[in-house]
């Protein structure tokens, strides 16, 4: 008894278009089980966010920047020519403090305590926007006093 093997090659070529009632699926070898193509109704979004709008208040002036997902608010501010305070760029020295007035940032690389972050404070050198944001640069002393006060709690 002879056995016939069939090989099916699939491609993701953009020119490949299948239709459920296509003759390609109806004219299979008689001994081959009929397979129905699976068509998903779920569509993938073709739009993706590459950057968020961040408004920075500093020296009685507001500046709107587009900050990409892989850059910090501080690096974008400096690249844009803003003269904002900073020093270590590691989230340790607290020289680049800001008040997060609106939006969300990821500052998990920084050294601020969770309760200070929950009160809306951020270090710009480790703040990656996770939404459109509005921040106000604040004096270093404001954040230091709060951080020290919560450390003693």
N, C-alpha and C. Protein backbone atom coordinates (compact mmCIF):
# COMPACT_ATOMS: atom_id res chain seq x y z
N UNK A 1 0.85 -1.17 0.00
CA UNK A 1 0.00 0.00 0.00
C UNK A 1 0.89 1.24 0.00
N UNK A 2 0.73 2.09 -0.94
CA UNK A 2 1.56 3.30 -1.07
C UNK A 2 0.95 4.42 -0.25
N UNK A 3 1.81 5.19 0.42
CA UNK A 3 1.36 6.32 1.22
C UNK A 3 1.80 7.60 0.53
N UNK A 4 0.89 8.51 0.38
CA UNK A 4 1.20 9.79 -0.24
C UNK A 4 1.32 10.83 0.85
N UNK A 5 2.42 11.57 0.84
CA UNK A 5 2.62 12.65 1.80
C UNK A 5 2.38 13.97 1.11
N UNK A 6 1.70 14.84 1.79
CA UNK A 6 1.46 16.18 1.28
C UNK A 6 2.17 17.17 2.18
N UNK A 7 2.76 18.18 1.58
CA UNK A 7 3.42 19.23 2.35
C UNK A 7 2.67 20.53 2.12
N UNK A 8 2.38 21.21 3.19
CA UNK A 8 1.67 22.48 3.12
C UNK A 8 2.65 23.57 3.52
N UNK A 9 2.87 24.52 2.66
CA UNK A 9 3.75 25.65 2.95
C UNK A 9 2.90 26.89 3.18
N UNK A 10 3.12 27.53 4.30
CA UNK A 10 2.38 28.76 4.63
C UNK A 10 3.32 29.94 4.49
N UNK A 11 2.75 31.05 4.08
CA UNK A 11 3.55 32.25 3.91
C UNK A 11 2.80 33.43 4.52
N UNK A 12 3.55 34.42 4.95
CA UNK A 12 2.94 35.65 5.46
C UNK A 12 3.15 36.78 4.48
N UNK A 13 3.34 36.41 3.24
CA UNK A 13 3.56 37.39 2.20
C UNK A 13 2.36 38.33 2.10
N UNK A 14 2.61 39.63 1.92
CA UNK A 14 1.49 40.57 1.80
C UNK A 14 0.60 40.28 0.60
N UNK A 15 1.12 39.59 -0.40
CA UNK A 15 0.31 39.31 -1.58
C UNK A 15 -0.63 38.14 -1.37
N UNK A 16 -0.45 37.39 -0.28
CA UNK A 16 -1.31 36.24 0.01
C UNK A 16 -2.64 36.73 0.54
N UNK A 17 -3.69 36.43 -0.18
CA UNK A 17 -5.04 36.79 0.26
C UNK A 17 -5.88 35.54 0.18
N UNK A 18 -6.47 35.18 1.28
CA UNK A 18 -7.32 33.99 1.27
C UNK A 18 -8.75 34.42 1.54
N UNK A 19 -9.64 33.69 0.95
CA UNK A 19 -11.05 33.95 1.14
C UNK A 19 -11.70 32.64 1.56
N UNK A 20 -12.63 32.69 2.48
CA UNK A 20 -13.23 31.45 3.00
C UNK A 20 -13.81 30.55 1.93
N UNK A 21 -14.37 31.08 0.87
CA UNK A 21 -15.00 30.25 -0.15
C UNK A 21 -14.10 30.04 -1.36
N UNK A 22 -12.84 30.27 -1.21
CA UNK A 22 -11.90 30.13 -2.31
C UNK A 22 -11.78 28.67 -2.74
N UNK A 23 -11.59 28.46 -4.04
CA UNK A 23 -11.44 27.10 -4.57
C UNK A 23 -10.15 26.46 -4.07
N UNK A 24 -9.19 27.28 -3.59
CA UNK A 24 -7.96 26.73 -3.04
C UNK A 24 -8.27 25.76 -1.91
N UNK A 25 -9.32 26.05 -1.16
CA UNK A 25 -9.66 25.24 0.00
C UNK A 25 -10.64 24.11 -0.35
N UNK A 26 -11.23 24.16 -1.53
CA UNK A 26 -12.23 23.16 -1.90
C UNK A 26 -11.64 22.03 -2.73
N UNK A 27 -10.53 22.25 -3.41
CA UNK A 27 -9.99 21.26 -4.33
C UNK A 27 -8.79 20.52 -3.74
N UNK A 28 -8.88 20.13 -2.49
CA UNK A 28 -7.80 19.38 -1.88
C UNK A 28 -7.91 17.92 -2.30
N UNK A 29 -6.85 17.17 -2.10
CA UNK A 29 -6.83 15.75 -2.43
C UNK A 29 -7.98 15.05 -1.71
N UNK A 30 -8.66 14.10 -2.33
CA UNK A 30 -9.84 13.48 -1.73
C UNK A 30 -9.56 12.82 -0.37
N UNK A 31 -8.36 12.34 -0.13
CA UNK A 31 -8.06 11.67 1.14
C UNK A 31 -7.54 12.63 2.20
N UNK A 32 -7.41 13.89 1.86
CA UNK A 32 -6.92 14.88 2.81
C UNK A 32 -8.09 15.47 3.57
N UNK A 33 -8.01 15.51 4.91
CA UNK A 33 -9.12 16.10 5.66
C UNK A 33 -9.33 17.55 5.26
N UNK A 34 -10.59 17.95 5.21
CA UNK A 34 -10.90 19.33 4.87
C UNK A 34 -10.61 20.23 6.07
N UNK A 35 -9.82 21.24 5.87
CA UNK A 35 -9.50 22.21 6.91
C UNK A 35 -10.15 23.52 6.56
N UNK A 36 -10.77 24.11 7.54
CA UNK A 36 -11.38 25.41 7.31
C UNK A 36 -10.41 26.48 7.78
N UNK A 37 -10.21 27.48 6.96
CA UNK A 37 -9.31 28.56 7.39
C UNK A 37 -9.93 29.33 8.56
N UNK A 38 -9.09 29.78 9.44
CA UNK A 38 -9.55 30.55 10.59
C UNK A 38 -9.36 32.03 10.30
N UNK A 39 -10.42 32.78 10.44
CA UNK A 39 -10.35 34.21 10.21
C UNK A 39 -10.72 34.92 11.50
N UNK A 40 -9.83 35.73 11.98
CA UNK A 40 -10.07 36.45 13.23
C UNK A 40 -10.70 37.80 12.93
N UNK A 41 -11.65 38.18 13.76
CA UNK A 41 -12.28 39.49 13.58
C UNK A 41 -11.52 40.57 14.35
N UNK A 42 -10.52 40.15 15.17
CA UNK A 42 -9.77 41.12 15.95
C UNK A 42 -8.78 41.84 15.04
N UNK A 43 -8.79 43.15 15.12
CA UNK A 43 -7.87 43.95 14.32
C UNK A 43 -6.81 44.52 15.23
N UNK A 44 -5.60 44.53 14.74
CA UNK A 44 -4.52 45.16 15.47
C UNK A 44 -4.50 46.64 15.12
N UNK A 45 -4.28 47.45 16.11
CA UNK A 45 -4.24 48.88 15.87
C UNK A 45 -2.99 49.24 15.08
N UNK A 46 -3.17 50.02 14.05
CA UNK A 46 -2.01 50.42 13.25
C UNK A 46 -1.35 51.67 13.81
N UNK A 47 -1.98 52.26 14.81
CA UNK A 47 -1.39 53.44 15.41
C UNK A 47 -0.74 53.07 16.72
N UNK A 48 0.43 53.60 16.93
CA UNK A 48 1.11 53.38 18.20
C UNK A 48 1.69 54.71 18.66
N UNK A 49 1.79 54.84 19.96
CA UNK A 49 2.28 56.09 20.53
C UNK A 49 3.80 56.06 20.56
N UNK A 50 4.41 57.07 19.97
CA UNK A 50 5.87 57.17 19.96
C UNK A 50 6.37 58.19 20.96
N UNK A 51 5.52 59.13 21.34
CA UNK A 51 5.92 60.20 22.26
C UNK A 51 4.69 60.76 22.97
N UNK A 52 4.95 61.38 24.11
CA UNK A 52 3.89 62.05 24.86
C UNK A 52 4.19 63.54 24.93
N UNK A 53 3.14 64.33 25.05
CA UNK A 53 3.30 65.77 25.23
C UNK A 53 3.53 66.04 26.71
N UNK A 54 4.60 66.77 26.99
CA UNK A 54 4.93 67.12 28.37
C UNK A 54 5.06 68.63 28.45
N UNK A 55 4.27 69.24 29.32
CA UNK A 55 4.36 70.67 29.57
C UNK A 55 5.23 70.85 30.81
N UNK A 56 6.28 71.65 30.68
CA UNK A 56 7.19 71.93 31.79
C UNK A 56 7.06 73.39 32.17
N UNK A 57 6.71 73.64 33.43
CA UNK A 57 6.67 75.00 33.97
C UNK A 57 7.99 75.26 34.69
N UNK A 58 8.66 76.33 34.28
CA UNK A 58 9.93 76.69 34.92
C UNK A 58 10.21 78.17 34.68
N UNK A 59 10.59 78.86 35.75
CA UNK A 59 10.88 80.30 35.67
C UNK A 59 9.71 81.09 35.05
N UNK A 60 8.51 80.84 35.55
CA UNK A 60 7.30 81.54 35.10
C UNK A 60 7.03 81.39 33.61
N UNK A 61 7.45 80.27 33.04
CA UNK A 61 7.27 80.02 31.62
C UNK A 61 6.85 78.56 31.44
N UNK A 62 5.95 78.30 30.49
CA UNK A 62 5.54 76.93 30.16
C UNK A 62 6.07 76.56 28.79
N UNK A 63 6.65 75.38 28.71
CA UNK A 63 7.18 74.87 27.46
C UNK A 63 6.59 73.49 27.21
N UNK A 64 6.06 73.27 26.02
CA UNK A 64 5.52 71.96 25.65
C UNK A 64 6.54 71.21 24.82
N UNK A 65 6.82 69.98 25.22
CA UNK A 65 7.79 69.13 24.53
C UNK A 65 7.14 67.81 24.15
N UNK A 66 7.65 67.18 23.12
CA UNK A 66 7.26 65.82 22.78
C UNK A 66 8.37 64.91 23.27
N UNK A 67 8.08 64.12 24.30
CA UNK A 67 9.09 63.26 24.90
C UNK A 67 8.84 61.82 24.45
N UNK A 68 9.84 61.22 23.82
CA UNK A 68 9.70 59.86 23.34
C UNK A 68 9.67 58.88 24.50
N UNK A 69 9.18 57.68 24.24
CA UNK A 69 8.97 56.69 25.29
C UNK A 69 10.26 56.26 25.97
N UNK A 70 11.37 56.31 25.24
CA UNK A 70 12.63 55.83 25.81
C UNK A 70 13.53 56.96 26.31
N UNK A 71 13.00 58.16 26.47
CA UNK A 71 13.81 59.26 26.99
C UNK A 71 13.16 59.87 28.22
N UNK A 72 14.01 60.43 29.07
CA UNK A 72 13.49 61.05 30.28
C UNK A 72 13.04 62.47 29.97
N UNK A 73 12.22 63.00 30.86
CA UNK A 73 11.75 64.38 30.70
C UNK A 73 12.96 65.32 30.78
N UNK A 74 13.90 65.04 31.67
CA UNK A 74 15.09 65.89 31.79
C UNK A 74 15.91 65.89 30.51
N UNK A 75 16.18 64.73 29.95
CA UNK A 75 17.02 64.69 28.74
C UNK A 75 16.37 65.46 27.60
N UNK A 76 15.05 65.36 27.46
CA UNK A 76 14.36 66.11 26.40
C UNK A 76 14.40 67.61 26.68
N UNK A 77 14.23 67.98 27.95
CA UNK A 77 14.29 69.40 28.31
C UNK A 77 15.67 69.98 27.98
N UNK A 78 16.71 69.26 28.33
CA UNK A 78 18.07 69.74 28.05
C UNK A 78 18.34 69.79 26.54
N UNK A 79 17.90 68.76 25.82
CA UNK A 79 18.07 68.73 24.36
C UNK A 79 17.33 69.88 23.69
N UNK A 80 16.25 70.33 24.32
CA UNK A 80 15.45 71.43 23.77
C UNK A 80 15.97 72.80 24.18
N UNK A 81 17.04 72.83 24.95
CA UNK A 81 17.64 74.10 25.34
C UNK A 81 17.11 74.71 26.62
N UNK A 82 16.26 73.99 27.35
CA UNK A 82 15.77 74.52 28.62
C UNK A 82 16.88 74.45 29.67
N UNK A 83 16.99 75.50 30.44
CA UNK A 83 17.97 75.52 31.51
C UNK A 83 17.28 75.11 32.80
N UNK A 84 17.30 73.82 33.08
CA UNK A 84 16.67 73.28 34.27
C UNK A 84 17.75 72.67 35.17
N UNK A 85 17.51 72.67 36.48
CA UNK A 85 18.52 72.15 37.39
C UNK A 85 18.66 70.63 37.30
N UNK A 86 19.91 70.17 37.39
CA UNK A 86 20.18 68.73 37.44
C UNK A 86 21.64 68.55 37.85
N UNK A 87 21.98 67.33 38.25
CA UNK A 87 23.37 67.05 38.62
C UNK A 87 23.74 65.62 38.26
N UNK A 88 23.32 64.65 39.06
CA UNK A 88 23.83 63.28 38.91
C UNK A 88 23.23 62.50 37.74
N UNK A 89 22.03 62.84 37.34
CA UNK A 89 21.32 62.12 36.27
C UNK A 89 21.05 60.65 36.61
N UNK A 90 21.03 60.32 37.90
CA UNK A 90 20.82 58.95 38.34
C UNK A 90 19.63 58.78 39.28
N UNK A 91 18.96 59.88 39.60
CA UNK A 91 17.82 59.80 40.50
C UNK A 91 18.20 59.70 41.95
N UNK A 92 19.40 60.18 42.30
CA UNK A 92 19.88 60.06 43.66
C UNK A 92 20.03 61.40 44.36
N UNK A 93 20.54 62.41 43.67
CA UNK A 93 20.93 63.67 44.32
C UNK A 93 19.76 64.62 44.58
N UNK A 94 18.64 64.43 43.92
CA UNK A 94 17.43 65.24 44.07
C UNK A 94 17.60 66.68 43.62
N UNK A 95 18.46 66.91 42.66
CA UNK A 95 18.68 68.26 42.14
C UNK A 95 17.68 68.63 41.04
N UNK A 96 16.95 67.67 40.50
CA UNK A 96 16.03 67.92 39.39
C UNK A 96 14.58 67.64 39.78
N UNK A 97 14.12 68.15 40.92
CA UNK A 97 12.77 67.80 41.37
C UNK A 97 11.68 68.54 40.60
N UNK A 98 10.55 67.90 40.52
CA UNK A 98 9.37 68.50 39.87
C UNK A 98 8.13 68.02 40.58
N UNK A 99 7.09 68.78 40.43
CA UNK A 99 5.77 68.40 40.92
C UNK A 99 4.99 67.93 39.71
N UNK A 100 4.48 66.72 39.77
CA UNK A 100 3.68 66.17 38.68
C UNK A 100 2.25 66.65 38.87
N UNK A 101 1.86 67.64 38.07
CA UNK A 101 0.54 68.25 38.19
C UNK A 101 -0.53 67.44 37.48
N UNK A 102 -0.13 66.73 36.42
CA UNK A 102 -1.09 65.93 35.66
C UNK A 102 -0.31 64.86 34.90
N UNK A 103 -0.91 63.70 34.75
CA UNK A 103 -0.29 62.63 33.97
C UNK A 103 0.41 61.60 34.85
N UNK A 104 1.09 60.68 34.17
CA UNK A 104 1.80 59.59 34.85
C UNK A 104 3.20 59.46 34.29
N UNK A 105 4.14 59.14 35.19
CA UNK A 105 5.52 58.87 34.78
C UNK A 105 5.99 57.59 35.44
N UNK A 106 6.96 56.95 34.83
CA UNK A 106 7.65 55.82 35.44
C UNK A 106 8.97 56.36 35.95
N UNK A 107 9.14 56.34 37.27
CA UNK A 107 10.40 56.79 37.84
C UNK A 107 10.95 55.70 38.78
N UNK A 108 10.76 54.46 38.36
CA UNK A 108 11.17 53.32 39.17
C UNK A 108 12.68 53.23 39.36
N UNK A 109 13.44 53.92 38.53
CA UNK A 109 14.90 53.92 38.68
C UNK A 109 15.39 54.92 39.72
N UNK A 110 14.49 55.76 40.23
CA UNK A 110 14.88 56.81 41.16
C UNK A 110 14.84 56.35 42.61
N UNK A 111 15.26 57.26 43.49
CA UNK A 111 15.38 56.94 44.91
C UNK A 111 14.30 57.59 45.78
N UNK A 112 13.26 58.17 45.18
CA UNK A 112 12.21 58.77 46.00
C UNK A 112 11.40 57.68 46.69
N UNK A 113 10.96 57.98 47.89
CA UNK A 113 10.12 57.01 48.60
C UNK A 113 8.73 56.99 47.96
N UNK A 114 8.05 55.87 48.13
CA UNK A 114 6.73 55.69 47.52
C UNK A 114 5.73 56.75 47.98
N UNK A 115 5.77 57.12 49.26
CA UNK A 115 4.80 58.10 49.74
C UNK A 115 5.05 59.49 49.15
N UNK A 116 6.30 59.82 48.85
CA UNK A 116 6.61 61.10 48.20
C UNK A 116 6.12 61.07 46.75
N UNK A 117 6.31 59.96 46.08
CA UNK A 117 5.82 59.80 44.71
C UNK A 117 4.29 59.89 44.69
N UNK A 118 3.63 59.26 45.66
CA UNK A 118 2.17 59.30 45.73
C UNK A 118 1.65 60.72 45.95
N UNK A 119 2.47 61.58 46.53
CA UNK A 119 2.07 62.98 46.74
C UNK A 119 2.30 63.83 45.49
N UNK A 120 2.81 63.21 44.43
CA UNK A 120 2.93 63.92 43.16
C UNK A 120 4.30 64.51 42.86
N UNK A 121 5.33 64.01 43.51
CA UNK A 121 6.68 64.51 43.24
C UNK A 121 7.42 63.56 42.32
N UNK A 122 8.37 64.13 41.58
CA UNK A 122 9.15 63.33 40.64
C UNK A 122 10.54 63.90 40.50
N UNK A 123 11.46 63.04 40.10
CA UNK A 123 12.80 63.48 39.70
C UNK A 123 12.85 63.37 38.19
N UNK A 124 13.10 64.48 37.54
CA UNK A 124 13.00 64.51 36.07
C UNK A 124 14.03 63.63 35.38
N UNK A 125 15.17 63.39 36.03
CA UNK A 125 16.22 62.60 35.37
C UNK A 125 15.87 61.12 35.24
N UNK A 126 14.88 60.65 36.00
CA UNK A 126 14.46 59.25 35.91
C UNK A 126 12.98 59.12 35.58
N UNK A 127 12.36 60.21 35.13
CA UNK A 127 10.93 60.21 34.83
C UNK A 127 10.69 60.00 33.34
N UNK A 128 10.13 58.82 33.03
CA UNK A 128 9.73 58.49 31.66
C UNK A 128 8.22 58.66 31.58
N UNK A 129 7.73 59.51 30.69
CA UNK A 129 6.27 59.73 30.64
C UNK A 129 5.54 58.46 30.21
N UNK A 130 4.40 58.23 30.86
CA UNK A 130 3.51 57.13 30.52
C UNK A 130 2.17 57.65 30.02
N UNK A 131 2.07 58.97 29.94
CA UNK A 131 0.89 59.65 29.40
C UNK A 131 1.32 61.09 29.13
N UNK A 132 0.42 61.88 28.56
CA UNK A 132 0.71 63.31 28.47
C UNK A 132 0.83 63.83 29.89
N UNK A 133 1.77 64.74 30.13
CA UNK A 133 2.06 65.19 31.50
C UNK A 133 2.19 66.70 31.58
N UNK A 134 2.05 67.18 32.81
CA UNK A 134 2.28 68.58 33.12
C UNK A 134 3.11 68.58 34.42
N UNK A 135 4.32 69.14 34.36
CA UNK A 135 5.20 69.18 35.53
C UNK A 135 5.63 70.61 35.80
N UNK A 136 5.88 70.87 37.07
CA UNK A 136 6.40 72.17 37.49
C UNK A 136 7.72 71.92 38.22
N UNK A 137 8.78 72.58 37.74
CA UNK A 137 10.07 72.48 38.42
C UNK A 137 9.92 73.17 39.78
N UNK A 138 10.40 72.51 40.83
CA UNK A 138 10.29 73.07 42.18
C UNK A 138 11.67 73.23 42.78
N UNK A 139 11.80 74.03 43.84
CA UNK A 139 13.10 74.16 44.50
C UNK A 139 13.51 72.82 45.13
N UNK A 140 14.78 72.53 45.07
CA UNK A 140 15.32 71.29 45.62
C UNK A 140 14.97 71.14 47.10
N UNK A 141 14.96 72.26 47.83
CA UNK A 141 14.70 72.23 49.27
C UNK A 141 13.30 71.69 49.59
N UNK A 142 12.33 72.00 48.71
CA UNK A 142 10.96 71.53 48.94
C UNK A 142 10.91 70.00 48.96
N UNK A 143 11.56 69.40 48.00
CA UNK A 143 11.56 67.94 47.93
C UNK A 143 12.42 67.33 49.03
N UNK A 144 13.57 67.92 49.29
CA UNK A 144 14.45 67.38 50.33
C UNK A 144 13.77 67.37 51.69
N UNK A 145 13.09 68.46 52.05
CA UNK A 145 12.43 68.51 53.34
C UNK A 145 11.31 67.47 53.43
N UNK A 146 10.59 67.27 52.34
CA UNK A 146 9.51 66.27 52.34
C UNK A 146 10.09 64.86 52.42
N UNK A 147 11.13 64.59 51.66
CA UNK A 147 11.76 63.27 51.65
C UNK A 147 12.32 62.93 53.04
N UNK A 148 12.97 63.92 53.68
CA UNK A 148 13.52 63.70 55.02
C UNK A 148 12.40 63.51 56.04
N UNK A 149 11.33 64.29 55.93
CA UNK A 149 10.22 64.16 56.87
C UNK A 149 9.56 62.79 56.77
N UNK A 150 9.40 62.27 55.57
CA UNK A 150 8.76 60.97 55.42
C UNK A 150 9.71 59.84 55.80
N UNK A 151 11.01 60.07 55.69
CA UNK A 151 11.99 59.05 56.09
C UNK A 151 11.97 58.85 57.60
N UNK A 152 11.60 59.90 58.35
CA UNK A 152 11.54 59.80 59.81
C UNK A 152 10.23 59.21 60.30
N UNK A 153 9.25 59.05 59.42
CA UNK A 153 7.94 58.49 59.83
C UNK A 153 8.02 57.00 60.06
